[in-house]
Amino acid sequence: MWFSLTSPSLTRRLPASARRWSGGVSELQWVVSAYTIAFAAFILTAGALGDRIGARRMFTAGFAIFTAASLACALAPNAAVLIAARGVQGLGAAILVPNSLALLNHAYADEKQRGRAVGIWAAGASLALTAGPLVGGALIALVGWRSIFLVNLPIGLAGLCLSWLYVNETTQRRQREIDLPGQMAAITALGCLAAAIIEGGALGWSHAFVIAVLWPQRS
């Protein structure tokens, strides 16, 4: 997945971004963590929505969201906008991953062919995780950190076009329920835990804010 370019490479560039925006370490940690939190929090619900309204429809929506968020990241004027855009980018990735597997399962009825397709999918993801830091680091060194987001635009647009032209929609299962309370609980738990870990180092573990965001974890 091409979005493996962003997080490892951006982490290496955080000190330079801090000097540009005069942000603290905790603020820059949010730039990296916002993506991961959104990805982890929404991935199960995104898969359930794909079952309910169609994996192709969700997959193309994920491409559109991720591509638009990548552009917002590249154009971000400050850390707050970048953090928000990274969260939306994580949402787009969470939509893409489960629905891409659902589309593979739908496209290949033969079990052997399906296994080969999933193997290629996994190999591509592994290659991206391995090459992402190297390619992203090279882009940052040669062009700048915004380039690791801009490189997603042509790939995202190509993915949208190919999905629209060649991918068949899956069977919609309207009876598939969406666990909204569970989804909200996942967002709250992950967000509060990340906030406590990130802000605890900056504010101190006895700070009222850190204690407040850790409190929901007790239940």
C-alpha atoms as a PDB file:
ATOM      1  CA  MET A   1       0.000   0.000   0.000  1.00  0.00           C
ATOM      2  CA  TRP A   2       1.449   3.362  -1.019  1.00  0.00           C
ATOM      3  CA  PHE A   3       0.313   5.031   2.189  1.00  0.00           C
ATOM      4  CA  SER A   4       3.184   3.189   3.952  1.00  0.00           C
ATOM      5  CA  LEU A   5       5.338   6.040   2.632  1.00  0.00           C
ATOM      6  CA  THR A   6       3.961   8.543   5.065  1.00  0.00           C
ATOM      7  CA  SER A   7       4.283   7.595   8.723  1.00  0.00           C
ATOM      8  CA  PRO A   8       7.855   6.191   8.907  1.00  0.00           C
ATOM      9  CA  SER A   9       9.292   8.900   6.678  1.00  0.00           C
ATOM     10  CA  LEU A  10       7.403  11.712   8.360  1.00  0.00           C
ATOM     11  CA  THR A  11       8.697  10.592  11.758  1.00  0.00           C
ATOM     12  CA  ARG A  12      12.257  11.148  10.582  1.00  0.00           C
ATOM     13  CA  ARG A  13      11.365  14.660   9.460  1.00  0.00           C
ATOM     14  CA  LEU A  14       9.587  15.748  12.655  1.00  0.00           C
ATOM     15  CA  PRO A  15      12.409  17.938  14.067  1.00  0.00           C
ATOM     16  CA  ALA A  16      12.511  20.044  10.882  1.00  0.00           C
ATOM     17  CA  SER A  17       8.732  20.440  10.932  1.00  0.00           C
ATOM     18  CA  ALA A  18       8.909  21.485  14.565  1.00  0.00           C
ATOM     19  CA  ARG A  19      11.322  24.275  13.752  1.00  0.00           C
ATOM     20  CA  ARG A  20       9.126  25.448  10.872  1.00  0.00           C
ATOM     21  CA  TRP A  21       5.895  25.579  12.886  1.00  0.00           C
ATOM     22  CA  SER A  22       7.395  26.085  16.361  1.00  0.00           C
ATOM     23  CA  GLY A  23       5.485  23.044  17.583  1.00  0.00           C
ATOM     24  CA  GLY A  24       6.386  20.857  20.538  1.00  0.00           C
ATOM     25  CA  VAL A  25       7.225  17.181  20.466  1.00  0.00           C
ATOM     26  CA  SER A  26       3.733  16.157  21.608  1.00  0.00           C
ATOM     27  CA  GLU A  27       2.127  18.146  18.791  1.00  0.00           C
ATOM     28  CA  LEU A  28       4.315  16.398  16.262  1.00  0.00           C
ATOM     29  CA  GLN A  29       3.625  13.002  17.768  1.00  0.00           C
ATOM     30  CA  TRP A  30      -0.038  13.677  17.036  1.00  0.00           C
ATOM     31  CA  VAL A  31       0.860  14.123  13.367  1.00  0.00           C
ATOM     32  CA  VAL A  32       2.049  10.529  13.278  1.00  0.00           C
ATOM     33  CA  SER A  33      -0.482   9.047  15.719  1.00  0.00           C
ATOM     34  CA  ALA A  34      -3.657  10.618  14.252  1.00  0.00           C
ATOM     35  CA  TYR A  35      -3.377   8.369  11.200  1.00  0.00           C
ATOM     36  CA  THR A  36      -2.844   5.192  13.231  1.00  0.00           C
ATOM     37  CA  ILE A  37      -5.664   5.952  15.673  1.00  0.00           C
ATOM     38  CA  ALA A  38      -8.191   6.599  12.899  1.00  0.00           C
ATOM     39  CA  PHE A  39      -7.062   3.520  10.984  1.00  0.00           C
ATOM     40  CA  ALA A  40      -7.375   1.214  14.003  1.00  0.00           C
ATOM     41  CA  ALA A  41     -10.652   2.719  15.207  1.00  0.00           C
ATOM     42  CA  PHE A  42     -12.578   2.568  11.925  1.00  0.00           C
ATOM     43  CA  ILE A  43     -11.293  -0.539  10.135  1.00  0.00           C
ATOM     44  CA  LEU A  44     -13.904  -2.964  11.513  1.00  0.00           C
ATOM     45  CA  THR A  45     -16.833  -0.630  10.896  1.00  0.00           C
ATOM     46  CA  ALA A  46     -15.552   0.099   7.384  1.00  0.00           C
ATOM     47  CA  GLY A  47     -15.609  -3.612   6.612  1.00  0.00           C
ATOM     48  CA  ALA A  48     -19.133  -3.943   7.982  1.00  0.00           C
ATOM     49  CA  LEU A  49     -20.292  -0.983   5.890  1.00  0.00           C
ATOM     50  CA  GLY A  50     -18.791  -2.636   2.821  1.00  0.00           C
ATOM     51  CA  ASP A  51     -20.871  -5.741   3.513  1.00  0.00           C
ATOM     52  CA  ARG A  52     -23.970  -3.612   3.975  1.00  0.00           C
ATOM     53  CA  ILE A  53     -23.802  -1.177   1.045  1.00  0.00           C
ATOM     54  CA  GLY A  54     -21.235  -2.806  -1.253  1.00  0.00           C
ATOM     55  CA  ALA A  55     -17.466  -3.177  -1.069  1.00  0.00           C
ATOM     56  CA  ARG A  56     -16.885  -1.429  -4.412  1.00  0.00           C
ATOM     57  CA  ARG A  57     -18.812   1.628  -3.308  1.00  0.00           C
ATOM     58  CA  MET A  58     -16.893   1.783  -0.039  1.00  0.00           C
ATOM     59  CA  PHE A  59     -13.566   1.101  -1.745  1.00  0.00           C
ATOM     60  CA  THR A  60     -13.957   3.989  -4.177  1.00  0.00           C
ATOM     61  CA  ALA A  61     -15.083   6.224  -1.302  1.00  0.00           C
ATOM     62  CA  GLY A  62     -11.954   5.226   0.600  1.00  0.00           C
ATOM     63  CA  PHE A  63      -9.777   6.111  -2.386  1.00  0.00           C
ATOM     64  CA  ALA A  64     -11.477   9.494  -2.703  1.00  0.00           C
ATOM     65  CA  ILE A  65     -11.139  10.254   1.022  1.00  0.00           C
ATOM     66  CA  PHE A  66      -7.510   9.162   1.186  1.00  0.00           C
ATOM     67  CA  THR A  67      -6.533  11.106  -1.938  1.00  0.00           C
ATOM     68  CA  ALA A  68      -8.285  14.294  -0.799  1.00  0.00           C
ATOM     69  CA  ALA A  69      -6.740  13.965   2.678  1.00  0.00           C
ATOM     70  CA  SER A  70      -3.291  13.512   1.128  1.00  0.00           C
ATOM     71  CA  LEU A  71      -3.720  16.776  -0.745  1.00  0.00           C
ATOM     72  CA  ALA A  72      -4.840  18.470   2.484  1.00  0.00           C
ATOM     73  CA  CYS A  73      -1.734  17.117   4.248  1.00  0.00           C
ATOM     74  CA  ALA A  74       0.526  18.431   1.510  1.00  0.00           C
ATOM     75  CA  LEU A  75      -1.061  21.885   1.645  1.00  0.00           C
ATOM     76  CA  ALA A  76      -1.359  22.064   5.443  1.00  0.00           C
ATOM     77  CA  PRO A  77      -0.376  25.557   6.678  1.00  0.00           C
ATOM     78  CA  ASN A  78       0.123  24.468  10.278  1.00  0.00           C
ATOM     79  CA  ALA A  79       0.342  21.421  12.521  1.00  0.00           C
ATOM     80  CA  ALA A  80      -3.342  21.506  13.537  1.00  0.00           C
ATOM     81  CA  VAL A  81      -4.509  21.177   9.931  1.00  0.00           C
ATOM     82  CA  LEU A  82      -1.928  18.471   9.264  1.00  0.00           C
ATOM     83  CA  ILE A  83      -3.069  16.475  12.307  1.00  0.00           C
ATOM     84  CA  ALA A  84      -6.710  16.681  11.226  1.00  0.00           C
ATOM     85  CA  ALA A  85      -5.856  15.712   7.647  1.00  0.00           C
ATOM     86  CA  ARG A  86      -3.793  12.788   8.876  1.00  0.00           C
ATOM     87  CA  GLY A  87      -6.800  11.552  10.829  1.00  0.00           C
ATOM     88  CA  VAL A  88      -8.961  11.713   7.703  1.00  0.00           C
ATOM     89  CA  GLN A  89      -6.196   9.961   5.790  1.00  0.00           C
ATOM     90  CA  GLY A  90      -6.285   7.147   8.356  1.00  0.00           C
ATOM     91  CA  LEU A  91     -10.048   6.905   7.884  1.00  0.00           C
ATOM     92  CA  GLY A  92      -9.565   6.512   4.136  1.00  0.00           C
ATOM     93  CA  ALA A  93      -6.982   3.776   4.670  1.00  0.00           C
ATOM     94  CA  ALA A  94      -9.296   1.988   7.104  1.00  0.00           C
ATOM     95  CA  ILE A  95     -11.969   1.915   4.395  1.00  0.00           C
ATOM     96  CA  LEU A  96      -9.575   0.691   1.714  1.00  0.00           C
ATOM     97  CA  VAL A  97      -7.986  -2.295   3.434  1.00  0.00           C
ATOM     98  CA  PRO A  98     -10.963  -4.527   4.382  1.00  0.00           C
ATOM     99  CA  ASN A  99     -12.954  -3.677   1.269  1.00  0.00           C
ATOM    100  CA  SER A 100     -10.024  -4.421  -1.036  1.00  0.00           C
ATOM    101  CA  LEU A 101      -9.928  -7.945   0.406  1.00  0.00           C
ATOM    102  CA  ALA A 102     -13.695  -8.261   0.030  1.00  0.00           C
ATOM    103  CA  LEU A 103     -13.400  -7.298  -3.642  1.00  0.00           C
ATOM    104  CA  LEU A 104     -10.645  -9.861  -4.176  1.00  0.00           C
ATOM    105  CA  ASN A 105     -12.812 -12.531  -2.593  1.00  0.00           C
ATOM    106  CA  HIS A 106     -15.702 -11.522  -4.859  1.00  0.00           C
ATOM    107  CA  ALA A 107     -13.610 -11.347  -8.041  1.00  0.00           C
ATOM    108  CA  TYR A 108     -12.061 -14.819  -7.744  1.00  0.00           C
ATOM    109  CA  ALA A 109     -14.576 -17.605  -7.263  1.00  0.00           C
ATOM    110  CA  ASP A 110     -11.929 -20.310  -7.628  1.00  0.00           C
ATOM    111  CA  GLU A 111     -10.231 -20.954  -4.288  1.00  0.00           C
ATOM    112  CA  LYS A 112      -6.779 -21.429  -5.810  1.00  0.00           C
ATOM    113  CA  GLN A 113      -6.977 -18.210  -7.824  1.00  0.00           C
ATOM    114  CA  ARG A 114      -8.299 -16.352  -4.790  1.00  0.00           C
ATOM    115  CA  GLY A 115      -5.386 -17.586  -2.682  1.00  0.00           C
ATOM    116  CA  ARG A 116      -2.929 -16.413  -5.338  1.00  0.00           C
ATOM    117  CA  ALA A 117      -4.611 -12.995  -5.518  1.00  0.00           C
ATOM    118  CA  VAL A 118      -4.517 -12.549  -1.743  1.00  0.00           C
ATOM    119  CA  GLY A 119      -0.864 -13.610  -1.765  1.00  0.00           C
ATOM    120  CA  ILE A 120      -0.067 -10.907  -4.331  1.00  0.00           C
ATOM    121  CA  TRP A 121      -2.023  -8.399  -2.210  1.00  0.00           C
ATOM    122  CA  ALA A 122      -0.030  -9.347   0.892  1.00  0.00           C
ATOM    123  CA  ALA A 123       3.261  -9.258  -1.001  1.00  0.00           C
ATOM    124  CA  GLY A 124       2.472  -5.767  -2.269  1.00  0.00           C
ATOM    125  CA  ALA A 125       1.663  -4.579   1.236  1.00  0.00           C
ATOM    126  CA  SER A 126       4.890  -6.088   2.587  1.00  0.00           C
ATOM    127  CA  LEU A 127       6.919  -4.490  -0.197  1.00  0.00           C
ATOM    128  CA  ALA A 128       5.357  -1.111   0.561  1.00  0.00           C
ATOM    129  CA  LEU A 129       6.172  -1.424   4.261  1.00  0.00           C
ATOM    130  CA  THR A 130       9.779  -2.261   3.391  1.00  0.00           C
ATOM    131  CA  ALA A 131      10.319   0.292   0.637  1.00  0.00           C
ATOM    132  CA  GLY A 132       8.188   3.057   2.159  1.00  0.00           C
ATOM    133  CA  PRO A 133      10.811   4.503   4.535  1.00  0.00           C
ATOM    134  CA  LEU A 134      13.501   4.395   1.825  1.00  0.00           C
ATOM    135  CA  VAL A 135      11.409   5.949  -0.943  1.00  0.00           C
ATOM    136  CA  GLY A 136       9.792   8.426   1.441  1.00  0.00           C
ATOM    137  CA  GLY A 137      13.162   9.411   2.883  1.00  0.00           C
ATOM    138  CA  ALA A 138      14.546   9.980  -0.605  1.00  0.00           C
ATOM    139  CA  LEU A 139      11.560  12.145  -1.567  1.00  0.00           C
ATOM    140  CA  ILE A 140      11.924  14.194   1.616  1.00  0.00           C
ATOM    141  CA  ALA A 141      15.636  14.714   1.055  1.00  0.00           C
ATOM    142  CA  LEU A 142      15.267  15.650  -2.611  1.00  0.00           C
ATOM    143  CA  VAL A 143      11.929  17.496  -2.717  1.00  0.00           C
ATOM    144  CA  GLY A 144      10.604  18.085   0.806  1.00  0.00           C
ATOM    145  CA  TRP A 145       8.234  16.431   3.265  1.00  0.00           C
ATOM    146  CA  ARG A 146       5.106  17.559   1.422  1.00  0.00           C
ATOM    147  CA  SER A 147       6.108  15.374  -1.530  1.00  0.00           C
ATOM    148  CA  ILE A 148       5.346  12.152   0.362  1.00  0.00           C
ATOM    149  CA  PHE A 149       1.698  13.214   0.373  1.00  0.00           C
ATOM    150  CA  LEU A 150       1.593  14.606  -3.157  1.00  0.00           C
ATOM    151  CA  VAL A 151       2.844  11.310  -4.583  1.00  0.00           C
ATOM    152  CA  ASN A 152      -0.451   9.762  -3.454  1.00  0.00           C
ATOM    153  CA  LEU A 153      -2.516  11.973  -5.775  1.00  0.00           C
ATOM    154  CA  PRO A 154      -1.830  10.356  -9.181  1.00  0.00           C
ATOM    155  CA  ILE A 155      -1.969   6.883  -7.640  1.00  0.00           C
ATOM    156  CA  GLY A 156      -5.255   7.648  -5.924  1.00  0.00           C
ATOM    157  CA  LEU A 157      -6.811   9.086  -9.079  1.00  0.00           C
ATOM    158  CA  ALA A 158      -5.662   6.067 -11.091  1.00  0.00           C
ATOM    159  CA  GLY A 159      -7.099   3.742  -8.468  1.00  0.00           C
ATOM    160  CA  LEU A 160     -10.425   5.572  -8.572  1.00  0.00           C
ATOM    161  CA  CYS A 161     -10.648   5.306 -12.351  1.00  0.00           C
ATOM    162  CA  LEU A 162      -9.653   1.629 -12.466  1.00  0.00           C
ATOM    163  CA  SER A 163     -12.049   0.736  -9.655  1.00  0.00           C
ATOM    164  CA  TRP A 164     -14.900   2.549 -11.357  1.00  0.00           C
ATOM    165  CA  LEU A 165     -14.261   0.931 -14.743  1.00  0.00           C
ATOM    166  CA  TYR A 166     -13.271  -2.635 -13.936  1.00  0.00           C
ATOM    167  CA  VAL A 167     -14.404  -3.636 -10.439  1.00  0.00           C
ATOM    168  CA  ASN A 168     -17.752  -5.331  -9.970  1.00  0.00           C
ATOM    169  CA  GLU A 169     -19.935  -4.542  -6.978  1.00  0.00           C
ATOM    170  CA  THR A 170     -20.347  -7.154  -4.270  1.00  0.00           C
ATOM    171  CA  THR A 171     -23.657  -8.453  -2.951  1.00  0.00           C
ATOM    172  CA  GLN A 172     -25.231  -6.040  -0.504  1.00  0.00           C
ATOM    173  CA  ARG A 173     -26.271  -7.525   2.812  1.00  0.00           C
ATOM    174  CA  ARG A 174     -28.675  -5.002   4.292  1.00  0.00           C
ATOM    175  CA  GLN A 175     -29.135  -7.119   7.401  1.00  0.00           C
ATOM    176  CA  ARG A 176     -25.495  -6.536   8.342  1.00  0.00           C
ATOM    177  CA  GLU A 177     -25.631  -4.459  11.503  1.00  0.00           C
ATOM    178  CA  ILE A 178     -23.299  -1.597  12.361  1.00  0.00           C
ATOM    179  CA  ASP A 179     -22.190  -1.449  15.980  1.00  0.00           C
ATOM    180  CA  LEU A 180     -22.295   2.302  16.528  1.00  0.00           C
ATOM    181  CA  PRO A 181     -21.841   2.147  20.335  1.00  0.00           C
ATOM    182  CA  GLY A 182     -18.871  -0.152  19.851  1.00  0.00           C
ATOM    183  CA  GLN A 183     -17.439   2.181  17.233  1.00  0.00           C
ATOM    184  CA  MET A 184     -17.743   5.183  19.523  1.00  0.00           C
ATOM    185  CA  ALA A 185     -16.193   3.201  22.373  1.00  0.00           C
ATOM    186  CA  ALA A 186     -13.237   2.246  20.163  1.00  0.00           C
ATOM    187  CA  ILE A 187     -12.660   5.863  19.101  1.00  0.00           C
ATOM    188  CA  THR A 188     -12.913   7.090  22.681  1.00  0.00           C
ATOM    189  CA  ALA A 189     -10.640   4.408  24.117  1.00  0.00           C
ATOM    190  CA  LEU A 190      -7.928   4.724  21.476  1.00  0.00           C
ATOM    191  CA  GLY A 191      -8.068   8.525  21.459  1.00  0.00           C
ATOM    192  CA  CYS A 192      -7.900   8.829  25.236  1.00  0.00           C
ATOM    193  CA  LEU A 193      -5.101   6.295  25.568  1.00  0.00           C
ATOM    194  CA  ALA A 194      -3.045   7.997  22.859  1.00  0.00           C
ATOM    195  CA  ALA A 195      -3.711  11.415  24.390  1.00  0.00           C
ATOM    196  CA  ALA A 196      -2.532  10.225  27.797  1.00  0.00           C
ATOM    197  CA  ILE A 197       0.651   8.670  26.421  1.00  0.00           C
ATOM    198  CA  ILE A 198       1.517  11.641  24.206  1.00  0.00           C
ATOM    199  CA  GLU A 199       0.576  14.443  26.575  1.00  0.00           C
ATOM    200  CA  GLY A 200       1.821  12.670  29.700  1.00  0.00           C
ATOM    201  CA  GLY A 201       5.410  13.270  28.713  1.00  0.00           C
ATOM    202  CA  ALA A 202       4.817  16.958  28.055  1.00  0.00           C
ATOM    203  CA  LEU A 203       2.387  17.859  30.848  1.00  0.00           C
ATOM    204  CA  GLY A 204       3.359  15.322  33.485  1.00  0.00           C
ATOM    205  CA  TRP A 205       1.499  12.163  34.514  1.00  0.00           C
ATOM    206  CA  SER A 206      -0.183  13.908  37.435  1.00  0.00           C
ATOM    207  CA  HIS A 207      -1.667  16.649  35.239  1.00  0.00           C
ATOM    208  CA  ALA A 208      -5.468  16.894  35.386  1.00  0.00           C
ATOM    209  CA  PHE A 209      -5.879  16.427  31.629  1.00  0.00           C
ATOM    210  CA  VAL A 210      -3.809  13.226  31.593  1.00  0.00           C
ATOM    211  CA  ILE A 211      -5.733  11.802  34.547  1.00  0.00           C
ATOM    212  CA  ALA A 212      -9.053  12.751  32.922  1.00  0.00           C
ATOM    213  CA  VAL A 213      -8.314  10.995  29.613  1.00  0.00           C
ATOM    214  CA  LEU A 214      -7.005   7.924  31.407  1.00  0.00           C
ATOM    215  CA  TRP A 215     -10.137   7.632  33.536  1.00  0.00           C
ATOM    216  CA  PRO A 216     -12.320   5.955  30.830  1.00  0.00           C
ATOM    217  CA  GLN A 217      -9.692   3.201  30.485  1.00  0.00           C
ATOM    218  CA  ARG A 218     -10.519   1.992  34.009  1.00  0.00           C
ATOM    219  CA  SER A 219     -13.837   0.613  32.828  1.00  0.00           C
END
